[in-house]
N, C-alpha and C. Protein backbone atom coordinates (compact mmCIF):
# COMPACT_ATOMS: atom_id res chain seq x y z
N MET A 1 135.63 98.46 -18.60
CA MET A 1 136.74 98.22 -19.45
C MET A 1 137.90 99.13 -19.06
N ALA A 2 138.90 98.54 -18.90
CA ALA A 2 140.07 99.34 -18.49
C ALA A 2 140.93 99.61 -19.71
N TYR A 3 141.27 100.86 -19.87
CA TYR A 3 142.10 101.26 -21.01
C TYR A 3 143.51 101.54 -20.50
N SER A 4 144.37 101.12 -21.24
CA SER A 4 145.75 101.46 -20.85
C SER A 4 146.11 102.82 -21.43
N ILE A 5 147.06 103.43 -20.91
CA ILE A 5 147.44 104.78 -21.31
C ILE A 5 148.01 104.76 -22.70
N GLN A 6 148.51 103.75 -23.08
CA GLN A 6 149.15 103.68 -24.38
C GLN A 6 148.10 103.63 -25.48
N GLN A 7 147.00 103.25 -25.16
CA GLN A 7 145.98 103.20 -26.20
C GLN A 7 145.38 104.58 -26.37
N SER A 8 144.73 104.76 -27.47
CA SER A 8 144.15 106.05 -27.77
C SER A 8 142.85 106.20 -27.00
N ALA A 9 142.66 107.39 -26.50
CA ALA A 9 141.46 107.66 -25.73
C ALA A 9 140.30 107.99 -26.63
N ALA A 10 140.55 108.12 -27.84
CA ALA A 10 139.48 108.44 -28.77
C ALA A 10 138.67 107.18 -29.05
N LEU A 11 137.44 107.42 -29.24
CA LEU A 11 136.56 106.31 -29.50
C LEU A 11 136.32 106.18 -30.98
N ASP A 12 136.05 105.00 -31.37
CA ASP A 12 135.75 104.76 -32.77
C ASP A 12 134.27 105.03 -32.95
N LEU A 13 133.94 106.12 -33.53
CA LEU A 13 132.56 106.51 -33.72
C LEU A 13 131.97 105.91 -34.99
N GLY A 14 132.71 105.23 -35.67
CA GLY A 14 132.26 104.65 -36.92
C GLY A 14 131.24 103.53 -36.71
N ARG A 15 131.33 103.00 -35.60
CA ARG A 15 130.39 101.90 -35.37
C ARG A 15 128.99 102.41 -35.07
N PHE A 16 128.83 103.72 -34.78
CA PHE A 16 127.50 104.27 -34.52
C PHE A 16 126.83 104.79 -35.77
N ASP A 17 127.54 104.78 -36.87
CA ASP A 17 126.93 105.24 -38.12
C ASP A 17 125.79 104.29 -38.48
N ARG A 18 124.74 104.91 -38.81
CA ARG A 18 123.56 104.08 -39.14
C ARG A 18 123.43 103.99 -40.63
N LYS A 19 123.88 102.98 -41.07
CA LYS A 19 123.72 102.72 -42.48
C LYS A 19 122.63 101.68 -42.60
N GLU A 20 121.66 102.04 -43.35
CA GLU A 20 120.58 101.09 -43.52
C GLU A 20 120.97 100.10 -44.58
N LYS A 21 120.90 98.92 -44.14
CA LYS A 21 121.23 97.87 -45.09
C LYS A 21 119.92 97.34 -45.62
N THR A 22 119.74 97.29 -46.85
CA THR A 22 118.54 96.74 -47.45
C THR A 22 118.71 95.23 -47.52
N PRO A 23 117.71 94.55 -47.09
CA PRO A 23 117.84 93.11 -47.15
C PRO A 23 117.81 92.65 -48.59
N ALA A 24 118.49 91.65 -48.80
CA ALA A 24 118.54 91.10 -50.14
C ALA A 24 117.31 90.25 -50.37
N ILE A 25 116.60 90.55 -51.42
CA ILE A 25 115.40 89.81 -51.77
C ILE A 25 115.78 88.84 -52.85
N ARG A 26 115.46 87.63 -52.58
CA ARG A 26 115.75 86.63 -53.59
C ARG A 26 114.52 85.76 -53.78
N ALA A 27 114.33 85.29 -54.89
CA ALA A 27 113.17 84.48 -55.22
C ALA A 27 113.46 83.03 -54.89
N LEU A 28 112.50 82.42 -54.27
CA LEU A 28 112.65 81.02 -53.95
C LEU A 28 112.23 80.19 -55.15
N PRO A 29 112.82 79.06 -55.27
CA PRO A 29 112.42 78.23 -56.41
C PRO A 29 110.99 77.71 -56.19
N GLU A 30 110.25 77.61 -57.26
CA GLU A 30 108.85 77.16 -57.17
C GLU A 30 108.80 75.68 -56.81
N ASN A 31 107.85 75.41 -55.93
CA ASN A 31 107.63 74.02 -55.52
C ASN A 31 106.56 73.46 -56.44
N PRO A 32 106.84 72.41 -57.13
CA PRO A 32 105.84 71.88 -58.05
C PRO A 32 104.63 71.30 -57.32
N ARG A 33 104.83 70.85 -56.10
CA ARG A 33 103.72 70.29 -55.34
C ARG A 33 102.80 71.38 -54.79
N ALA A 34 103.31 72.55 -54.62
CA ALA A 34 102.50 73.62 -54.04
C ALA A 34 101.76 74.34 -55.14
N ALA A 35 100.88 73.65 -55.77
CA ALA A 35 100.07 74.25 -56.83
C ALA A 35 99.05 75.17 -56.20
N ARG A 36 98.46 75.93 -56.97
CA ARG A 36 97.45 76.86 -56.46
C ARG A 36 96.32 76.09 -55.81
N ARG A 37 96.04 76.42 -54.56
CA ARG A 37 94.97 75.74 -53.85
C ARG A 37 93.67 76.47 -54.09
N GLU A 38 92.59 75.64 -54.09
CA GLU A 38 91.26 76.23 -54.22
C GLU A 38 90.88 76.82 -52.87
N PRO A 39 90.08 77.87 -52.88
CA PRO A 39 89.66 78.44 -51.60
C PRO A 39 88.82 77.41 -50.82
N VAL A 40 88.92 77.46 -49.51
CA VAL A 40 88.22 76.51 -48.64
C VAL A 40 86.73 76.78 -48.71
N LYS A 41 85.96 75.72 -48.94
CA LYS A 41 84.51 75.87 -49.01
C LYS A 41 83.95 75.88 -47.59
N VAL A 42 83.10 76.85 -47.32
CA VAL A 42 82.47 76.95 -46.01
C VAL A 42 81.31 75.95 -45.97
N PRO A 43 81.22 75.12 -44.92
CA PRO A 43 80.15 74.10 -44.86
C PRO A 43 78.82 74.72 -44.41
N TYR A 44 78.20 75.45 -45.35
CA TYR A 44 76.93 76.12 -45.02
C TYR A 44 75.84 75.13 -44.61
N PHE A 45 75.83 73.97 -45.24
CA PHE A 45 74.82 72.98 -44.91
C PHE A 45 74.94 72.54 -43.45
N LYS A 46 76.15 72.32 -42.99
CA LYS A 46 76.35 71.93 -41.59
C LYS A 46 75.91 73.05 -40.64
N TYR A 47 76.27 74.28 -40.99
CA TYR A 47 75.87 75.41 -40.15
C TYR A 47 74.35 75.56 -40.13
N LEU A 48 73.72 75.38 -41.28
CA LEU A 48 72.27 75.47 -41.36
C LEU A 48 71.61 74.36 -40.55
N LEU A 49 72.14 73.17 -40.65
CA LEU A 49 71.61 72.05 -39.87
C LEU A 49 71.78 72.29 -38.37
N LEU A 50 72.93 72.78 -37.96
CA LEU A 50 73.16 73.09 -36.55
C LEU A 50 72.22 74.19 -36.07
N PHE A 51 72.04 75.22 -36.88
CA PHE A 51 71.11 76.30 -36.53
C PHE A 51 69.68 75.77 -36.41
N GLY A 52 69.29 74.89 -37.33
CA GLY A 52 67.96 74.30 -37.28
C GLY A 52 67.75 73.47 -36.02
N LEU A 53 68.75 72.69 -35.64
CA LEU A 53 68.64 71.88 -34.42
C LEU A 53 68.54 72.75 -33.18
N VAL A 54 69.32 73.81 -33.12
CA VAL A 54 69.25 74.73 -31.97
C VAL A 54 67.88 75.40 -31.93
N PHE A 55 67.40 75.84 -33.09
CA PHE A 55 66.08 76.49 -33.15
C PHE A 55 64.98 75.52 -32.74
N ALA A 56 65.05 74.27 -33.20
CA ALA A 56 64.03 73.28 -32.84
C ALA A 56 64.07 72.98 -31.34
N THR A 57 65.27 72.90 -30.78
CA THR A 57 65.39 72.66 -29.34
C THR A 57 64.77 73.81 -28.55
N LEU A 58 65.08 75.04 -28.95
CA LEU A 58 64.50 76.20 -28.27
C LEU A 58 62.98 76.23 -28.42
N ALA A 59 62.49 75.87 -29.61
CA ALA A 59 61.04 75.85 -29.82
C ALA A 59 60.38 74.80 -28.92
N VAL A 60 61.00 73.64 -28.78
CA VAL A 60 60.44 72.60 -27.91
C VAL A 60 60.44 73.06 -26.46
N ILE A 61 61.50 73.72 -26.04
CA ILE A 61 61.58 74.23 -24.65
C ILE A 61 60.49 75.27 -24.41
N VAL A 62 60.33 76.20 -25.35
CA VAL A 62 59.31 77.25 -25.19
C VAL A 62 57.92 76.62 -25.18
N PHE A 63 57.68 75.67 -26.08
CA PHE A 63 56.38 75.00 -26.11
C PHE A 63 56.11 74.26 -24.81
N SER A 64 57.15 73.61 -24.27
CA SER A 64 56.98 72.89 -23.01
C SER A 64 56.61 73.84 -21.88
N TYR A 65 57.27 75.00 -21.82
CA TYR A 65 56.93 75.98 -20.78
C TYR A 65 55.52 76.52 -20.97
N MET A 66 55.11 76.73 -22.23
CA MET A 66 53.74 77.20 -22.48
C MET A 66 52.74 76.15 -22.01
N ARG A 67 52.97 74.91 -22.34
CA ARG A 67 52.05 73.83 -21.95
C ARG A 67 52.01 73.70 -20.42
N MET A 68 53.18 73.81 -19.78
CA MET A 68 53.23 73.72 -18.33
C MET A 68 52.45 74.88 -17.71
N THR A 69 52.54 76.07 -18.29
CA THR A 69 51.80 77.21 -17.78
C THR A 69 50.30 76.98 -17.94
N GLU A 70 49.88 76.46 -19.08
CA GLU A 70 48.46 76.16 -19.30
C GLU A 70 47.96 75.14 -18.28
N LEU A 71 48.73 74.07 -18.09
CA LEU A 71 48.31 73.03 -17.15
C LEU A 71 48.29 73.54 -15.72
N THR A 72 49.23 74.42 -15.38
CA THR A 72 49.25 74.98 -14.04
C THR A 72 48.02 75.85 -13.80
N SER A 73 47.67 76.68 -14.80
CA SER A 73 46.48 77.53 -14.63
C SER A 73 45.21 76.68 -14.58
N GLN A 74 45.15 75.62 -15.39
CA GLN A 74 43.99 74.72 -15.35
C GLN A 74 43.91 74.02 -13.99
N ASN A 75 45.06 73.62 -13.47
CA ASN A 75 45.10 72.97 -12.16
C ASN A 75 44.61 73.93 -11.07
N ASP A 76 45.05 75.19 -11.13
CA ASP A 76 44.60 76.17 -10.14
C ASP A 76 43.10 76.39 -10.23
N ARG A 77 42.59 76.46 -11.46
CA ARG A 77 41.16 76.65 -11.64
C ARG A 77 40.37 75.47 -11.07
N LEU A 78 40.85 74.26 -11.34
CA LEU A 78 40.17 73.06 -10.82
C LEU A 78 40.28 72.98 -9.29
N GLN A 79 41.42 73.40 -8.74
CA GLN A 79 41.55 73.42 -7.29
C GLN A 79 40.54 74.39 -6.67
N GLY A 80 40.35 75.53 -7.33
CA GLY A 80 39.33 76.48 -6.87
C GLY A 80 37.94 75.88 -6.90
N GLN A 81 37.63 75.17 -7.98
CA GLN A 81 36.33 74.52 -8.08
C GLN A 81 36.16 73.45 -6.99
N ILE A 82 37.24 72.71 -6.72
CA ILE A 82 37.18 71.69 -5.68
C ILE A 82 36.89 72.33 -4.33
N GLU A 83 37.57 73.42 -4.03
CA GLU A 83 37.35 74.11 -2.75
C GLU A 83 35.91 74.62 -2.66
N LYS A 84 35.41 75.16 -3.78
CA LYS A 84 34.03 75.66 -3.79
C LYS A 84 33.05 74.51 -3.56
N LEU A 85 33.27 73.38 -4.23
CA LEU A 85 32.38 72.23 -4.07
C LEU A 85 32.47 71.63 -2.67
N LYS A 86 33.65 71.67 -2.07
CA LYS A 86 33.77 71.17 -0.70
C LYS A 86 32.97 72.05 0.26
N GLY A 87 33.00 73.37 0.02
CA GLY A 87 32.19 74.27 0.84
C GLY A 87 30.70 73.99 0.68
N GLU A 88 30.29 73.78 -0.59
CA GLU A 88 28.89 73.45 -0.84
C GLU A 88 28.51 72.12 -0.19
N GLU A 89 29.43 71.15 -0.22
CA GLU A 89 29.16 69.85 0.40
C GLU A 89 28.94 70.01 1.91
N LYS A 90 29.80 70.82 2.54
CA LYS A 90 29.65 71.03 3.99
C LYS A 90 28.32 71.70 4.29
N ALA A 91 27.93 72.68 3.45
CA ALA A 91 26.65 73.35 3.67
C ALA A 91 25.49 72.38 3.50
N LEU A 92 25.57 71.52 2.48
CA LEU A 92 24.50 70.54 2.26
C LEU A 92 24.47 69.50 3.38
N GLN A 93 25.64 69.10 3.88
CA GLN A 93 25.67 68.15 4.99
C GLN A 93 25.00 68.75 6.23
N ALA A 94 25.28 70.04 6.48
CA ALA A 94 24.64 70.69 7.63
C ALA A 94 23.14 70.80 7.43
N LYS A 95 22.72 71.11 6.20
CA LYS A 95 21.29 71.20 5.91
C LYS A 95 20.63 69.84 6.05
N LYS A 96 21.30 68.79 5.61
CA LYS A 96 20.76 67.43 5.74
C LYS A 96 20.62 67.04 7.20
N GLU A 97 21.65 67.35 7.98
CA GLU A 97 21.59 67.04 9.41
C GLU A 97 20.43 67.78 10.07
N GLN A 98 20.22 69.02 9.64
CA GLN A 98 19.11 69.79 10.21
C GLN A 98 17.78 69.20 9.78
N MET A 99 17.69 68.78 8.52
CA MET A 99 16.42 68.26 8.02
C MET A 99 16.07 66.92 8.67
N TYR A 100 17.05 66.10 8.92
CA TYR A 100 16.78 64.78 9.50
C TYR A 100 16.89 64.76 11.02
N ASN A 101 17.06 65.91 11.58
CA ASN A 101 17.05 66.01 13.04
C ASN A 101 15.63 65.79 13.51
N LEU A 102 15.46 64.95 14.49
CA LEU A 102 14.13 64.58 14.96
C LEU A 102 13.34 65.78 15.46
N ALA A 103 14.00 66.71 16.09
CA ALA A 103 13.30 67.89 16.62
C ALA A 103 12.78 68.75 15.48
N SER A 104 13.59 68.93 14.42
CA SER A 104 13.13 69.76 13.30
C SER A 104 12.01 69.06 12.53
N VAL A 105 12.05 67.73 12.43
CA VAL A 105 10.97 67.00 11.75
C VAL A 105 9.67 67.16 12.53
N GLU A 106 9.77 67.04 13.85
CA GLU A 106 8.58 67.20 14.70
C GLU A 106 8.02 68.62 14.58
N GLU A 107 8.91 69.60 14.56
CA GLU A 107 8.46 71.00 14.43
C GLU A 107 7.78 71.23 13.09
N TYR A 108 8.36 70.68 12.02
CA TYR A 108 7.77 70.82 10.69
C TYR A 108 6.39 70.17 10.66
N ALA A 109 6.26 68.99 11.27
CA ALA A 109 4.98 68.28 11.28
C ALA A 109 3.92 69.08 12.03
N LYS A 110 4.29 69.69 13.13
CA LYS A 110 3.32 70.48 13.90
C LYS A 110 2.94 71.76 13.18
N ASN A 111 3.94 72.53 12.72
CA ASN A 111 3.67 73.85 12.16
C ASN A 111 3.14 73.80 10.73
N GLN A 112 3.73 73.03 9.89
CA GLN A 112 3.37 73.03 8.48
C GLN A 112 2.21 72.09 8.16
N MET A 113 2.20 70.93 8.78
CA MET A 113 1.21 69.93 8.42
C MET A 113 0.06 69.82 9.44
N GLY A 114 0.16 70.50 10.55
CA GLY A 114 -0.90 70.50 11.55
C GLY A 114 -1.05 69.18 12.28
N MET A 115 0.00 68.44 12.40
CA MET A 115 -0.06 67.15 13.08
C MET A 115 0.23 67.34 14.57
N VAL A 116 -0.31 66.44 15.37
CA VAL A 116 -0.04 66.46 16.81
C VAL A 116 0.46 65.09 17.23
N LYS A 117 1.23 65.07 18.29
CA LYS A 117 1.79 63.83 18.77
C LYS A 117 0.70 63.06 19.53
N LEU A 118 0.65 61.76 19.32
CA LEU A 118 -0.38 60.95 19.97
C LEU A 118 -0.06 60.73 21.45
N ASP A 119 -1.13 60.74 22.22
CA ASP A 119 -1.00 60.36 23.63
C ASP A 119 -1.41 58.90 23.76
N LYS A 120 -1.16 58.34 24.92
CA LYS A 120 -1.57 56.96 25.15
C LYS A 120 -3.09 56.84 25.17
N SER A 121 -3.73 57.93 25.46
CA SER A 121 -5.20 57.86 25.51
C SER A 121 -5.82 57.91 24.12
N THR A 122 -5.10 58.39 23.14
CA THR A 122 -5.67 58.50 21.79
C THR A 122 -5.39 57.28 20.93
N ILE A 123 -4.62 56.34 21.41
CA ILE A 123 -4.33 55.14 20.64
C ILE A 123 -5.54 54.22 20.67
N GLN A 124 -5.94 53.79 19.50
CA GLN A 124 -7.08 52.89 19.39
C GLN A 124 -6.61 51.56 18.83
N TYR A 125 -7.07 50.52 19.43
CA TYR A 125 -6.72 49.18 18.98
C TYR A 125 -7.89 48.60 18.21
N VAL A 126 -7.60 47.92 17.16
CA VAL A 126 -8.62 47.29 16.33
C VAL A 126 -8.47 45.78 16.50
N SER A 127 -9.55 45.11 16.78
CA SER A 127 -9.48 43.67 16.90
C SER A 127 -10.31 43.06 15.78
N LEU A 128 -9.79 42.05 15.19
CA LEU A 128 -10.46 41.36 14.10
C LEU A 128 -11.14 40.11 14.64
N HIS A 129 -12.37 39.91 14.26
CA HIS A 129 -13.09 38.73 14.72
C HIS A 129 -12.75 37.50 13.90
N GLN A 130 -12.43 37.71 12.64
CA GLN A 130 -12.09 36.57 11.79
C GLN A 130 -10.61 36.67 11.44
N ALA A 131 -9.97 35.56 11.33
CA ALA A 131 -8.55 35.55 10.95
C ALA A 131 -8.44 35.87 9.47
N GLU A 132 -7.43 36.58 9.16
CA GLU A 132 -7.23 36.92 7.74
C GLU A 132 -6.60 35.74 7.04
N ASN A 133 -7.07 35.47 5.88
CA ASN A 133 -6.54 34.39 5.08
C ASN A 133 -6.00 34.96 3.78
N THR A 134 -4.91 34.39 3.34
CA THR A 134 -4.32 34.79 2.07
C THR A 134 -4.49 33.64 1.11
N VAL A 135 -5.03 33.92 -0.04
CA VAL A 135 -5.28 32.88 -1.03
C VAL A 135 -4.36 33.14 -2.21
N ILE A 136 -3.62 32.12 -2.60
CA ILE A 136 -2.73 32.22 -3.75
C ILE A 136 -3.39 31.47 -4.89
N ALA A 137 -3.56 32.17 -5.98
CA ALA A 137 -4.20 31.55 -7.14
C ALA A 137 -3.22 30.61 -7.81
N GLN A 138 -3.74 29.45 -8.23
CA GLN A 138 -2.89 28.49 -8.89
C GLN A 138 -2.90 28.76 -10.38
N ARG A 139 -1.77 28.46 -10.96
CA ARG A 139 -1.65 28.69 -12.40
C ARG A 139 -2.43 27.64 -13.16
N GLU A 140 -2.95 28.10 -14.23
CA GLU A 140 -3.62 27.15 -15.11
C GLU A 140 -2.57 26.58 -16.04
N GLU A 141 -2.73 25.38 -16.41
CA GLU A 141 -1.81 24.77 -17.35
C GLU A 141 -2.05 25.40 -18.71
N SER A 142 -1.00 25.87 -19.30
CA SER A 142 -1.16 26.52 -20.60
C SER A 142 -1.08 25.48 -21.71
N ALA A 143 -1.54 25.89 -22.85
CA ALA A 143 -1.54 24.99 -23.99
C ALA A 143 -0.17 24.93 -24.64
N VAL A 144 0.71 25.81 -24.25
CA VAL A 144 2.06 25.85 -24.83
C VAL A 144 2.92 24.81 -24.12
N PRO A 145 3.64 23.99 -24.84
CA PRO A 145 4.48 22.97 -24.21
C PRO A 145 5.56 23.62 -23.32
N ARG A 146 6.06 22.85 -22.40
CA ARG A 146 7.06 23.35 -21.46
C ARG A 146 8.33 23.81 -22.16
N PHE A 147 8.73 23.14 -23.18
CA PHE A 147 9.96 23.49 -23.89
C PHE A 147 9.86 24.90 -24.47
N ILE A 148 8.75 25.20 -25.11
CA ILE A 148 8.58 26.52 -25.73
C ILE A 148 8.45 27.59 -24.66
N SER A 149 7.74 27.31 -23.57
CA SER A 149 7.62 28.31 -22.51
C SER A 149 8.98 28.58 -21.86
N GLY A 150 9.81 27.56 -21.70
CA GLY A 150 11.17 27.75 -21.19
C GLY A 150 12.01 28.59 -22.13
N LEU A 151 11.85 28.35 -23.43
CA LEU A 151 12.56 29.13 -24.43
C LEU A 151 12.12 30.59 -24.40
N ILE A 152 10.82 30.81 -24.24
CA ILE A 152 10.30 32.19 -24.17
C ILE A 152 10.84 32.88 -22.92
N ARG A 153 10.86 32.19 -21.78
CA ARG A 153 11.39 32.78 -20.55
C ARG A 153 12.87 33.13 -20.71
N SER A 154 13.63 32.25 -21.37
CA SER A 154 15.06 32.52 -21.60
C SER A 154 15.24 33.74 -22.49
N PHE A 155 14.42 33.82 -23.55
CA PHE A 155 14.48 34.97 -24.45
C PHE A 155 14.14 36.26 -23.71
N ASN A 156 13.10 36.21 -22.88
CA ASN A 156 12.72 37.39 -22.09
C ASN A 156 13.84 37.80 -21.12
N ALA A 157 14.53 36.83 -20.55
CA ALA A 157 15.65 37.13 -19.64
C ALA A 157 16.77 37.82 -20.38
N VAL A 158 17.07 37.35 -21.61
CA VAL A 158 18.13 37.98 -22.41
C VAL A 158 17.76 39.40 -22.79
N VAL A 159 16.49 39.59 -23.21
CA VAL A 159 16.03 40.94 -23.58
C VAL A 159 16.08 41.85 -22.37
N GLU A 160 15.70 41.36 -21.22
CA GLU A 160 15.73 42.17 -19.99
C GLU A 160 17.17 42.53 -19.63
N TYR A 161 18.09 41.59 -19.83
CA TYR A 161 19.50 41.85 -19.53
C TYR A 161 20.06 42.93 -20.46
N LEU A 162 19.70 42.86 -21.74
CA LEU A 162 20.19 43.84 -22.70
C LEU A 162 19.62 45.24 -22.46
N ASN A 163 18.41 45.29 -21.94
CA ASN A 163 17.82 46.60 -21.65
C ASN A 163 18.50 47.20 -20.45
């Protein structure tokens, strides 16, 4: 700001005086529509329901993990049993192969039962002078009529099937 010489060099210090002005308080006219409002009701039921749903969900998740852990441990136990039984099966298969091996059967027969292998000189042939005949006995006619005997046979077949 440029001051001319003709103006006073003194400053107006009055503008720096700090006079506190108190604001004017005035009452607003009452609004008839703005009646006293009731305090807002907190929806405790909704919060309780939400808390219950969250708790039930967490309980289901925890139960599911517990059940999965139980099934996993049961599965591991059964897998162990399967491996053990497979080992036993292999051992039994080897024992069976050894038992049915012709050499071991022959050895058992010689050592345990005192048997010896036949030579061609020890084979004896038996000759029959008369031919063998087979006689089949004929049924006698029974006093029971054929119808009743057929019924009895059918009844016996049913009883045999049920047993």
